[in-house]
Amino acid sequence: MGNHHGHGPHSKSGDSTPTSNGSRKSISRTVSNHEIQADKPSALLPVEKLTKILADKSFEEEHITGISLNVFTKCLFPRYPVLAEKLYTYLLTGAKSRNTYIDIQGFKLQCEKYLSILDDETVRDTFVRMFGTQVEDAGEVITPEGLRSLLMCAYHVSMDHYSEGPQMCLSISKTLKAVVDSCFHTKTQLSTQFVSHWLAANCPRLLLPLHRYLVHSLATSWRTLEDMENAPAAGLELATPVLEQAPPFSQKHPHLLHMSMSWLLAGALPPVFSRPQKAHSPSNSGVGLASTAFLTKLLCSVPSHWVVLYDSDNDGLGANRFLHHVMSYKGPTLCLLRVEDGQVFCIASPNEWRESNHYWGGEDSAVFQLLPKFVLLEKGSKMLYLNTTVRGYPYGLRAGKDPRSPIIIVDGGFEKMEFKKIPYSLLRIEVWGCGDPISREQQLEVKKWEVKEAERQRCVKLSADDWLDHPDRYLLELAGRPQYHQNQTQ
């Protein structure tokens, strides 16, 4: 009713109007930034400023009234040209532009629409559609290469914001292949809806940092661009330096849990396993240094605080070695198991490991197959079991929601493993602590106390009266030494 009062502004010029309710149609034909700022809420001013800067650069470089792909990529995402192209095409399609560039008003509307996406499911749907294609008679579909490209973009953004600086993992191709093969099952294309649901079921948090990065860039890059009018274009290549030193994911021999697999697991596991740590932003990412601290909190998708508690290649493979290195760690852990045919599994425990003849574990407990395909096998509470002492109950380590038929069974000697009742030889075990550094320090303190206590018990001095009744004296007599004197040399 009252909203249509003064609906007369059909002029094409930037004349000021007394009303402040100007609809998007009423300013669709004006490029006056002052009038836009007067009619729009202050929350949208970053979009207004970004649009003006990009429009001015596009007009200066390409003589168009709008925003071009070249300017969009160079100014916002110089390190990620593939991601920039996909996002630009998504905005161009949403604006229904008949040109090869996005008009000013359409760019503003589509940016505001993208910034309003808050739901995780919508985020996944949007990215899968962004990297998919429209096929006649099949609707929106995505190919294995499209999914791989999407995951690679998410991986590069995460690696560039790793806590130790930009990183690279040589196993990334193998990791992405495990995800793509598990999702597509040799098919050449799938509907975007199916792939989105598969990601939600197996790695629900994997794409969320990528969305946060795009939102942050669209909302804050105008600050940096205002100070870069005369700065040369840099960082256009998509390259990440090879990892020279990578605590804790690289040593003399590679771990089962390498850098790219930790990124994948962090996106598949609940937040309790990947508490954020400080990170560094790349210098040429299009994001100002002033916003680095805030961006750090958004893009912590690769945990840097995970620490190796037990590696059977170094510490020995056995139940007692497992217990010695893993017990008393009061934090979430990841137990990786590799069997004879190259398969790798992961048991995620949100609680401290304990010996019991009952199943235990919180709601965040989960079992994954990592290689050759990545898939979440089971998750839920009371699905973990570890027993090496209680007689009358199965010995070993087990994981599964059905106690009568666990999905993973490790025997009491930690030599064999069964996966869905198929026996394998267990070759290697790694356990990673995912708690804060205090959890590791407390565990080491407990280990030091145990060593000191064992030394104290071993060095106890006995009196002559205690020795007469001591069982060791009886054993020595049985061994052929009926007489024992303190001054005896042999």
Protein backbone atom coordinates (compact mmCIF):
# COMPACT_ATOMS: atom_id res chain seq x y z
CA MET A 1 0.00 0.00 0.00
CA GLY A 2 2.18 2.82 1.29
CA ASN A 3 5.15 1.14 -0.36
CA HIS A 4 3.82 2.22 -3.77
CA HIS A 5 3.60 5.85 -2.75
CA GLY A 6 5.74 7.97 -5.02
CA HIS A 7 6.28 5.16 -7.54
CA GLY A 8 6.94 7.79 -10.16
CA PRO A 9 10.72 7.66 -10.51
CA HIS A 10 10.95 6.28 -14.01
CA SER A 11 13.79 8.65 -14.87
CA LYS A 12 17.06 7.12 -16.01
CA SER A 13 19.17 9.73 -14.25
CA GLY A 14 20.45 9.58 -10.69
CA ASP A 15 17.90 12.13 -9.34
CA SER A 16 17.49 12.00 -5.57
CA THR A 17 14.04 11.00 -4.33
CA PRO A 18 12.52 11.90 -0.96
CA THR A 19 11.58 8.28 -0.28
CA SER A 20 14.05 5.86 1.38
CA ASN A 21 12.25 2.68 0.41
CA GLY A 22 13.58 2.59 -3.13
CA SER A 23 13.05 -0.87 -4.50
CA ARG A 24 15.66 -2.63 -6.58
CA LYS A 25 13.66 -1.87 -9.74
CA SER A 26 13.68 1.86 -8.97
CA ILE A 27 17.50 2.00 -9.07
CA SER A 28 18.12 -0.68 -11.64
CA ARG A 29 19.02 1.88 -14.30
CA THR A 30 21.29 4.14 -12.30
CA VAL A 31 24.99 3.89 -11.50
CA SER A 32 24.96 6.63 -8.89
CA ASN A 33 26.76 5.21 -5.88
CA HIS A 34 25.60 8.09 -3.65
CA GLU A 35 21.92 7.35 -4.31
CA ILE A 36 22.48 3.64 -3.75
CA GLN A 37 24.09 4.29 -0.38
CA ALA A 38 21.20 6.53 0.60
CA ASP A 39 18.60 3.92 -0.25
CA LYS A 40 20.37 0.77 1.02
CA PRO A 41 20.98 -0.35 4.60
CA SER A 42 24.48 0.19 5.94
CA ALA A 43 25.02 -3.58 6.14
CA LEU A 44 25.19 -3.70 2.32
CA LEU A 45 27.71 -0.91 1.95
CA PRO A 46 30.64 -3.36 1.43
CA VAL A 47 28.87 -4.77 -1.63
CA GLU A 48 28.21 -1.26 -2.92
CA LYS A 49 31.84 -0.25 -2.53
CA LEU A 50 33.15 -3.47 -4.03
CA THR A 51 30.81 -3.12 -7.01
CA LYS A 52 31.91 0.44 -7.66
CA ILE A 53 35.61 -0.44 -7.53
CA LEU A 54 35.22 -3.43 -9.85
CA ALA A 55 32.97 -1.49 -12.23
CA ASP A 56 35.49 1.36 -12.44
CA LYS A 57 38.35 -1.04 -13.14
CA SER A 58 36.31 -2.92 -15.77
CA PHE A 59 35.43 0.33 -17.54
CA GLU A 60 39.05 1.50 -17.38
CA GLU A 61 40.54 -1.73 -18.69
CA GLU A 62 37.83 -3.13 -20.98
CA HIS A 63 35.47 -0.18 -21.60
CA ILE A 64 32.33 -1.99 -20.41
CA THR A 65 29.58 -0.88 -18.05
CA GLY A 66 29.69 -3.83 -15.69
CA ILE A 67 32.12 -6.29 -14.10
CA SER A 68 34.27 -8.52 -16.29
CA LEU A 69 35.68 -11.95 -15.43
CA ASN A 70 39.25 -10.73 -15.81
CA VAL A 71 38.82 -7.90 -13.30
CA PHE A 72 36.81 -10.11 -10.95
CA THR A 73 39.58 -12.72 -10.90
CA LYS A 74 42.50 -10.32 -10.70
CA CYS A 75 41.06 -8.22 -7.89
CA LEU A 76 39.38 -10.84 -5.70
CA PHE A 77 40.90 -14.27 -6.30
CA PRO A 78 44.26 -13.96 -8.10
CA ARG A 79 45.53 -17.19 -6.53
CA TYR A 80 42.44 -19.22 -7.44
CA PRO A 81 41.47 -18.61 -11.09
CA VAL A 82 39.38 -21.80 -11.35
CA LEU A 83 37.36 -20.88 -8.27
CA ALA A 84 36.96 -17.32 -9.54
CA GLU A 85 35.67 -18.51 -12.91
CA LYS A 86 33.13 -20.87 -11.32
CA LEU A 87 31.84 -18.24 -8.93
CA TYR A 88 31.68 -15.60 -11.66
CA THR A 89 29.75 -17.95 -13.97
CA TYR A 90 27.37 -18.72 -11.10
CA LEU A 91 26.75 -15.00 -10.52
CA LEU A 92 26.42 -14.37 -14.27
CA THR A 93 23.82 -17.13 -14.60
CA GLY A 94 21.89 -15.84 -11.61
CA ALA A 95 21.88 -12.32 -13.04
CA LYS A 96 20.46 -13.68 -16.34
CA SER A 97 22.79 -11.43 -18.26
CA ARG A 98 22.71 -11.47 -22.04
CA ASN A 99 26.29 -10.26 -22.17
CA THR A 100 29.58 -11.96 -21.36
CA TYR A 101 29.90 -9.68 -18.32
CA ILE A 102 27.66 -8.95 -15.35
CA ASP A 103 25.89 -5.60 -15.26
CA ILE A 104 26.34 -3.47 -12.16
CA GLN A 105 22.93 -3.95 -10.64
CA GLY A 106 22.91 -7.68 -11.34
CA PHE A 107 26.30 -8.07 -9.68
CA LYS A 108 25.11 -6.32 -6.55
CA LEU A 109 21.96 -8.38 -6.30
CA GLN A 110 23.77 -11.69 -6.83
CA CYS A 111 26.50 -10.82 -4.31
CA GLU A 112 23.87 -9.95 -1.72
CA LYS A 113 22.09 -13.21 -2.46
CA TYR A 114 25.29 -15.23 -2.06
CA LEU A 115 26.24 -13.46 1.17
CA SER A 116 22.84 -14.37 2.62
CA ILE A 117 23.52 -18.13 2.37
CA LEU A 118 23.80 -19.44 5.92
CA ASP A 119 22.52 -23.02 5.84
CA ASP A 120 25.18 -25.74 5.48
CA GLU A 121 23.02 -27.80 3.15
CA THR A 122 22.48 -24.81 0.89
CA VAL A 123 26.22 -24.19 0.85
CA ARG A 124 26.93 -27.72 -0.38
CA ASP A 125 24.15 -27.57 -2.97
CA THR A 126 25.44 -24.25 -4.26
CA PHE A 127 29.03 -25.42 -4.69
CA VAL A 128 28.08 -28.69 -6.39
CA ARG A 129 25.83 -26.80 -8.81
CA MET A 130 28.58 -24.24 -9.33
CA PHE A 131 30.95 -26.97 -10.54
CA GLY A 132 28.26 -28.94 -12.37
CA THR A 133 26.62 -28.52 -15.76
CA GLN A 134 23.12 -28.38 -17.17
CA VAL A 135 22.38 -31.36 -19.40
CA GLU A 136 19.26 -31.69 -21.51
CA ASP A 137 17.00 -34.56 -20.36
CA ALA A 138 19.19 -35.04 -17.28
CA GLY A 139 18.98 -31.75 -15.43
CA GLU A 140 21.88 -30.50 -13.35
CA VAL A 141 24.70 -33.05 -13.24
CA ILE A 142 28.33 -33.11 -12.18
CA THR A 143 31.16 -35.25 -13.53
CA PRO A 144 34.00 -36.88 -11.56
CA GLU A 145 36.35 -34.21 -12.89
CA GLY A 146 33.96 -31.49 -11.71
CA LEU A 147 33.88 -32.88 -8.18
CA ARG A 148 37.64 -33.29 -8.18
CA SER A 149 38.05 -29.66 -9.27
CA LEU A 150 35.73 -28.51 -6.47
CA LEU A 151 37.65 -30.49 -3.85
CA MET A 152 40.96 -29.24 -5.19
CA CYS A 153 39.81 -25.63 -4.81
CA ALA A 154 38.75 -26.30 -1.22
CA TYR A 155 42.08 -28.00 -0.57
CA HIS A 156 44.18 -25.14 -1.97
CA VAL A 157 42.33 -22.53 0.09
CA SER A 158 42.85 -24.64 3.21
CA MET A 159 46.54 -25.21 2.49
CA ASP A 160 47.17 -21.52 1.91
CA HIS A 161 45.79 -20.82 5.37
CA TYR A 162 47.56 -23.61 7.19
CA SER A 163 48.96 -22.63 10.59
CA GLU A 164 52.58 -23.17 9.52
CA GLY A 165 52.17 -21.23 6.27
CA PRO A 166 51.23 -22.46 2.77
CA GLN A 167 51.69 -26.21 2.40
CA MET A 168 51.49 -28.93 -0.22
CA CYS A 169 50.88 -32.66 0.09
CA LEU A 170 52.23 -35.03 -2.55
CA SER A 171 49.43 -37.48 -1.81
CA ILE A 172 46.59 -35.11 -2.68
CA SER A 173 45.81 -36.88 -5.97
CA LYS A 174 45.47 -40.21 -4.18
CA THR A 175 43.27 -38.64 -1.51
CA LEU A 176 40.94 -36.96 -3.99
CA LYS A 177 40.73 -40.12 -6.08
CA ALA A 178 39.53 -42.04 -3.00
CA VAL A 179 36.70 -39.52 -2.52
CA VAL A 180 35.67 -39.30 -6.17
CA ASP A 181 35.77 -43.07 -6.74
CA SER A 182 33.70 -43.70 -3.62
CA CYS A 183 31.08 -41.17 -4.70
CA PHE A 184 30.75 -42.08 -8.39
CA HIS A 185 31.33 -45.87 -8.41
CA THR A 186 32.70 -45.78 -12.01
CA LYS A 187 29.78 -43.67 -13.26
CA THR A 188 30.54 -40.82 -15.63
CA GLN A 189 28.06 -38.35 -14.14
CA LEU A 190 25.65 -37.99 -11.25
CA SER A 191 22.93 -35.54 -10.33
CA THR A 192 24.11 -32.60 -8.28
CA GLN A 193 21.52 -33.46 -5.63
CA PHE A 194 22.97 -36.96 -5.15
CA VAL A 195 26.54 -35.70 -4.86
CA SER A 196 25.47 -33.01 -2.39
CA HIS A 197 23.76 -35.63 -0.23
CA TRP A 198 26.82 -37.90 -0.43
CA LEU A 199 29.08 -35.09 0.76
CA ALA A 200 26.66 -34.34 3.60
CA ALA A 201 26.76 -37.98 4.71
CA ASN A 202 30.52 -38.58 4.44
CA CYS A 203 32.32 -35.24 4.83
CA PRO A 204 29.74 -32.61 5.83
CA ARG A 205 32.19 -29.87 6.87
CA LEU A 206 34.64 -30.13 3.98
CA LEU A 207 33.27 -27.26 1.87
CA LEU A 208 32.26 -24.89 4.66
CA PRO A 209 35.67 -23.17 4.98
CA LEU A 210 35.62 -22.50 1.22
CA HIS A 211 32.26 -20.78 1.56
CA ARG A 212 33.49 -18.72 4.51
CA TYR A 213 36.48 -17.65 2.47
CA LEU A 214 34.33 -16.48 -0.46
CA VAL A 215 31.96 -14.61 1.85
CA HIS A 216 34.85 -12.96 3.65
CA SER A 217 36.49 -11.95 0.38
CA LEU A 218 33.32 -10.46 -1.10
CA ALA A 219 32.60 -8.55 2.11
CA THR A 220 36.07 -7.18 2.92
CA SER A 221 38.21 -7.06 -0.24
CA TRP A 222 37.09 -3.51 -1.04
CA ARG A 223 39.30 -2.27 1.80
CA THR A 224 42.41 -3.73 0.20
CA LEU A 225 41.40 -2.74 -3.32
CA GLU A 226 41.13 0.90 -2.30
CA ASP A 227 44.83 0.82 -1.43
CA MET A 228 45.90 -1.16 -4.50
CA GLU A 229 45.00 1.23 -7.28
CA ASN A 230 48.59 1.39 -8.48
CA ALA A 231 49.77 -2.03 -7.26
CA PRO A 232 50.94 -4.47 -9.95
CA ALA A 233 49.01 -7.67 -10.49
CA ALA A 234 50.65 -10.51 -8.63
CA GLY A 235 49.93 -13.99 -7.46
CA LEU A 236 48.00 -15.05 -10.53
CA GLU A 237 49.53 -18.54 -10.54
CA LEU A 238 47.88 -21.32 -8.55
CA ALA A 239 50.95 -22.77 -6.86
CA THR A 240 51.66 -23.90 -3.32
CA PRO A 241 55.24 -24.53 -2.17
CA VAL A 242 56.27 -28.10 -1.51
CA LEU A 243 56.28 -29.00 2.15
CA GLU A 244 59.87 -28.85 3.43
CA GLN A 245 59.16 -29.37 7.10
CA ALA A 246 55.74 -30.44 8.17
CA PRO A 247 55.26 -31.13 11.81
CA PRO A 248 53.40 -33.22 12.59
CA PHE A 249 52.61 -34.86 9.23
CA SER A 250 56.02 -35.62 7.79
CA GLN A 251 59.16 -37.30 9.13
CA LYS A 252 61.83 -39.65 7.78
CA HIS A 253 59.14 -42.04 6.58
CA PRO A 254 55.61 -41.03 5.62
CA HIS A 255 52.81 -41.47 8.10
CA LEU A 256 49.51 -43.10 7.28
CA LEU A 257 47.89 -39.78 8.12
CA HIS A 258 49.43 -37.33 5.70
CA MET A 259 48.52 -33.69 5.19
CA SER A 260 45.74 -34.08 2.62
CA MET A 261 44.14 -36.97 4.53
CA SER A 262 44.11 -34.85 7.70
CA TRP A 263 42.32 -32.11 5.72
CA LEU A 264 39.78 -34.64 4.51
CA LEU A 265 39.19 -36.12 7.96
CA ALA A 266 38.86 -32.67 9.50
CA GLY A 267 36.02 -31.99 7.07
CA ALA A 268 34.37 -35.31 7.86
CA LEU A 269 34.70 -35.35 11.64
CA PRO A 270 32.84 -33.23 14.21
CA PRO A 271 34.53 -30.02 15.43
CA VAL A 272 35.75 -31.69 18.63
CA PHE A 273 38.56 -33.30 16.61
CA SER A 274 39.78 -30.11 14.91
CA ARG A 275 39.81 -27.20 17.29
CA PRO A 276 41.05 -24.10 15.47
CA GLN A 277 44.60 -22.84 15.70
CA LYS A 278 46.07 -19.61 14.43
CA ALA A 279 46.81 -19.47 10.71
CA HIS A 280 48.63 -17.32 8.17
CA SER A 281 47.03 -15.89 5.05
CA PRO A 282 48.88 -15.74 1.72
CA SER A 283 50.19 -12.30 0.88
CA ASN A 284 48.54 -12.13 -2.55
CA SER A 285 45.14 -13.58 -1.77
CA GLY A 286 43.24 -10.34 -2.23
CA VAL A 287 42.54 -10.09 1.50
CA GLY A 288 43.99 -7.28 3.58
CA LEU A 289 46.39 -7.88 6.42
CA ALA A 290 43.99 -6.20 8.79
CA SER A 291 41.46 -8.97 8.25
CA THR A 292 43.95 -11.82 8.62
CA ALA A 293 43.14 -12.45 12.26
CA PHE A 294 39.43 -12.72 11.55
CA LEU A 295 40.00 -14.91 8.49
CA THR A 296 42.15 -17.19 10.63
CA LYS A 297 39.13 -18.12 12.73
CA LEU A 298 37.11 -18.97 9.62
CA LEU A 299 39.57 -21.11 7.68
CA CYS A 300 40.91 -23.59 10.22
CA SER A 301 40.09 -26.67 8.20
CA VAL A 302 43.49 -28.34 8.55
CA PRO A 303 44.39 -29.03 12.19
CA SER A 304 47.99 -28.27 13.10
CA HIS A 305 47.79 -29.51 16.67
CA TRP A 306 47.36 -33.24 15.94
CA VAL A 307 50.26 -35.21 17.39
CA VAL A 308 51.43 -38.80 16.95
CA LEU A 309 50.88 -40.85 20.11
CA TYR A 310 51.74 -44.26 18.70
CA ASP A 311 53.32 -45.50 15.48
CA SER A 312 53.85 -49.25 15.31
CA ASP A 313 56.68 -48.82 12.79
CA ASN A 314 58.70 -47.00 15.46
CA ASP A 315 57.20 -48.27 18.72
CA GLY A 316 56.49 -51.89 17.86
CA LEU A 317 53.24 -53.61 16.94
CA GLY A 318 51.45 -55.19 19.88
CA ALA A 319 48.72 -54.75 22.45
CA ASN A 320 51.09 -53.74 25.24
CA ARG A 321 52.80 -51.14 23.04
CA PHE A 322 49.41 -49.72 22.04
CA LEU A 323 48.32 -49.45 25.67
CA HIS A 324 51.60 -47.89 26.79
CA HIS A 325 51.48 -45.06 24.24
CA VAL A 326 47.74 -44.38 24.03
CA MET A 327 46.34 -44.80 27.53
CA SER A 328 46.09 -41.74 29.81
CA TYR A 329 45.64 -39.37 26.84
CA LYS A 330 42.56 -37.39 27.85
CA GLY A 331 41.45 -36.14 24.46
CA PRO A 332 39.97 -37.24 21.12
CA THR A 333 42.08 -39.65 19.08
CA LEU A 334 42.26 -41.14 15.59
CA CYS A 335 43.41 -44.75 15.29
CA LEU A 336 44.57 -45.66 11.76
CA LEU A 337 44.92 -49.30 10.73
CA ARG A 338 46.62 -50.53 7.55
CA VAL A 339 46.17 -54.12 6.38
CA GLU A 340 47.94 -56.29 3.85
CA ASP A 341 46.16 -55.24 0.65
CA GLY A 342 46.70 -51.52 1.15
CA GLN A 343 43.36 -50.74 2.75
CA VAL A 344 43.48 -48.10 5.49
CA PHE A 345 40.79 -47.63 8.15
CA CYS A 346 40.28 -45.01 10.83
CA ILE A 347 38.59 -45.34 14.23
CA ALA A 348 37.69 -41.92 15.65
CA SER A 349 37.28 -41.80 19.42
CA PRO A 350 36.08 -38.53 21.02
CA ASN A 351 36.89 -39.90 24.49
CA GLU A 352 39.94 -41.16 26.33
CA TRP A 353 40.76 -44.79 25.55
CA ARG A 354 39.98 -47.21 28.38
CA GLU A 355 39.98 -50.94 28.93
CA SER A 356 36.56 -52.43 29.52
CA ASN A 357 34.50 -55.49 28.72
CA HIS A 358 31.68 -53.16 27.66
CA TYR A 359 31.31 -50.96 24.61
CA TRP A 360 31.83 -47.25 25.19
CA GLY A 361 32.26 -43.99 23.26
CA GLY A 362 30.36 -40.76 22.73
CA GLU A 363 28.06 -39.67 19.91
CA ASP A 364 31.01 -38.43 17.85
CA SER A 365 32.58 -41.90 17.58
CA ALA A 366 33.01 -43.03 13.97
CA VAL A 367 34.67 -45.60 11.71
CA PHE A 368 35.98 -44.63 8.25
CA GLN A 369 37.54 -46.44 5.36
CA LEU A 370 40.22 -44.07 4.06
CA LEU A 371 41.77 -46.03 1.19
CA PRO A 372 41.31 -47.14 -1.53
CA LYS A 373 37.92 -45.42 -1.17
CA PHE A 374 36.86 -42.86 1.37
CA VAL A 375 33.56 -43.57 3.08
CA LEU A 376 31.99 -43.23 6.51
CA LEU A 377 31.17 -46.77 7.61
CA GLU A 378 29.45 -46.22 10.97
CA LYS A 379 29.04 -43.55 13.61
CA GLY A 380 27.31 -43.19 16.95
CA SER A 381 27.73 -43.82 20.65
CA LYS A 382 28.91 -47.00 22.42
CA MET A 383 30.69 -48.53 19.45
CA LEU A 384 34.27 -48.81 20.80
CA TYR A 385 35.73 -51.76 22.72
CA LEU A 386 39.20 -52.47 24.15
CA ASN A 387 39.93 -55.40 26.44
CA THR A 388 43.24 -57.10 27.27
CA THR A 389 42.68 -58.21 30.88
CA VAL A 390 39.08 -59.27 31.62
CA ARG A 391 38.74 -63.01 31.20
CA GLY A 392 35.65 -64.53 29.65
CA TYR A 393 35.28 -61.65 27.16
CA PRO A 394 36.89 -61.20 23.72
CA TYR A 395 40.41 -59.80 23.80
CA GLY A 396 41.51 -57.03 21.46
CA LEU A 397 40.09 -53.89 19.92
CA ARG A 398 36.68 -53.68 18.28
CA ALA A 399 34.56 -51.00 16.63
CA GLY A 400 30.95 -51.17 15.52
CA LYS A 401 27.43 -50.45 16.64
CA ASP A 402 26.47 -54.15 16.74
CA PRO A 403 28.46 -55.90 19.53
CA ARG A 404 27.60 -59.28 18.04
CA SER A 405 29.07 -58.33 14.66
CA PRO A 406 31.54 -55.39 14.91
CA ILE A 407 32.61 -53.88 11.64
CA ILE A 408 36.30 -53.98 12.72
CA ILE A 409 37.89 -56.61 14.97
CA VAL A 410 41.57 -56.58 16.02
CA ASP A 411 42.75 -59.71 17.84
CA GLY A 412 44.33 -59.68 21.29
CA GLY A 413 47.86 -59.83 19.89
CA PHE A 414 47.26 -56.98 17.44
CA GLU A 415 48.41 -59.21 14.57
CA LYS A 416 45.15 -59.85 12.69
CA MET A 417 42.21 -57.67 11.76
CA GLU A 418 38.76 -58.50 10.43
CA PHE A 419 36.74 -56.05 8.35
CA LYS A 420 33.16 -57.17 7.85
CA LYS A 421 34.28 -60.71 8.81
CA ILE A 422 37.03 -60.74 6.16
CA PRO A 423 40.42 -61.53 7.78
CA TYR A 424 43.54 -59.50 7.03
CA SER A 425 47.06 -59.28 8.37
CA LEU A 426 47.49 -56.10 10.38
CA LEU A 427 50.63 -54.32 9.18
CA ARG A 428 50.63 -50.95 10.89
CA ILE A 429 48.80 -48.88 13.49
CA GLU A 430 48.98 -45.15 14.09
CA VAL A 431 47.20 -43.23 16.83
CA TRP A 432 46.96 -39.44 16.64
CA GLY A 433 45.96 -37.24 19.54
CA CYS A 434 43.49 -34.52 18.56
CA GLY A 435 43.20 -32.72 21.88
CA ASP A 436 44.88 -29.48 22.90
CA PRO A 437 48.58 -29.49 23.81
CA ILE A 438 47.69 -29.71 27.51
CA SER A 439 46.27 -33.21 26.95
CA ARG A 440 49.61 -34.41 25.59
CA GLU A 441 51.56 -32.75 28.39
CA GLN A 442 49.37 -34.38 31.01
CA GLN A 443 49.83 -37.78 29.40
CA LEU A 444 53.62 -37.38 29.39
CA GLU A 445 53.54 -36.39 33.04
CA VAL A 446 51.62 -39.56 33.84
CA LYS A 447 54.18 -41.62 31.91
CA LYS A 448 57.06 -40.00 33.81
CA TRP A 449 55.36 -40.79 37.11
CA GLU A 450 54.85 -44.41 36.07
CA VAL A 451 58.54 -44.77 35.20
CA LYS A 452 59.63 -43.25 38.49
CA GLU A 453 57.22 -45.46 40.41
CA ALA A 454 58.52 -48.57 38.64
CA GLU A 455 62.12 -47.57 39.49
CA ARG A 456 61.18 -46.97 43.10
CA GLN A 457 59.51 -50.36 43.38
CA ARG A 458 62.52 -52.06 41.81
CA CYS A 459 65.03 -50.43 44.15
CA VAL A 460 63.31 -51.22 47.45
CA LYS A 461 65.86 -52.41 50.04
CA LEU A 462 64.87 -55.41 52.12
CA SER A 463 65.87 -56.11 55.70
CA ALA A 464 67.24 -59.49 56.71
CA ASP A 465 63.94 -60.46 58.29
CA ASP A 466 61.98 -59.46 55.15
CA TRP A 467 64.37 -61.46 52.97
CA LEU A 468 63.80 -64.66 54.96
CA ASP A 469 60.11 -64.58 54.00
CA HIS A 470 60.51 -63.12 50.53
CA PRO A 471 59.32 -65.32 47.59
CA ASP A 472 62.46 -64.50 45.59
CA ARG A 473 64.58 -66.31 48.23
CA TYR A 474 62.49 -69.41 47.70
CA LEU A 475 62.97 -69.21 43.94
CA LEU A 476 66.74 -68.90 44.35
CA GLU A 477 66.81 -71.98 46.49
CA LEU A 478 64.85 -73.90 43.86
CA ALA A 479 67.39 -72.79 41.28
CA GLY A 480 70.22 -74.46 43.23
CA ARG A 481 71.37 -71.68 45.53
CA PRO A 482 70.24 -72.78 48.98
CA GLN A 483 72.78 -70.47 50.68
CA TYR A 484 72.73 -66.77 49.82
CA HIS A 485 75.11 -64.28 51.40
CA GLN A 486 75.16 -60.53 50.85
CA ASN A 487 78.94 -60.55 50.33
CA GLN A 488 78.73 -63.25 47.66
CA THR A 489 80.17 -61.99 44.39
CA GLN A 490 78.42 -64.42 42.06
